[in-house]
Amino acid sequence: MNQKNLGVATAAIIVAIVVSAIVWHFAAPSHRVESASQPPPLGQAAVGTIAPEFVLPTTGGLFDMQKARKPVFLEVFATWCPHCQRMTTVVDQLFGAYKSRASFIGVSGSNQGMDGTTEASQADVLAWMQRFKVVYPIAYDPSLTVANSYLQGGFPTFAIVGRDGKISYLNSGELKYSDLAAALDTALR
């Protein structure tokens, strides 16, 4: 084989590899991780409206929104979300300061697991809780009912529900302790 034929063969192999990679990327099985830059859906919950009801078993016992007797601090999180992972410290501090006056619950809101390649599960949520030393009650919601009701386009989403059952605060993203504490103080009045 002369050098010209060798060059053509090498170029053909490189083109075949590139084409194969492109085809694989766009036609890979559905278990591939979707881009985290795609925002989750927007829930129907809104400030001033009655909080959507749900009942879920948590690490602290059964939680029933309809039977909550104290204001409720709700977090909708994703175990794979770095913002949610960092916010565990803030929510743990809030829980320590307000747990006698407000009910706390964190609810999984994604069907993607912490490692970014597996599906979410109860074990995944418990591993997240252990890894990030979460002390507030956590629930796994396999149907994503809570996320579909409360999510505000990003993880984590926080909702505070007053004694009257109405949402008094709704926001998403990494938030300051002082902002969340002020919203809780307002709901406690």
Foldseek 3Di string as FASTA:
>chain_A
DDPVVVVVVVVVVVVVVVVVVVCCVVVPDPLAFDDPVQWDDAAPADFPAFADWDWFQWPVGIDTLVPFQAKEKEKEAALQDPQQLVCLVLVQVVCVVCVVHYAYEYEYQAQAANVRRHGDDPVRVVVSCVVSVHDHIYGYDNVNPNCNHAPHGHPIWIWIAASVRGTNDIDHTRDDSVVVVVSSVVRRD
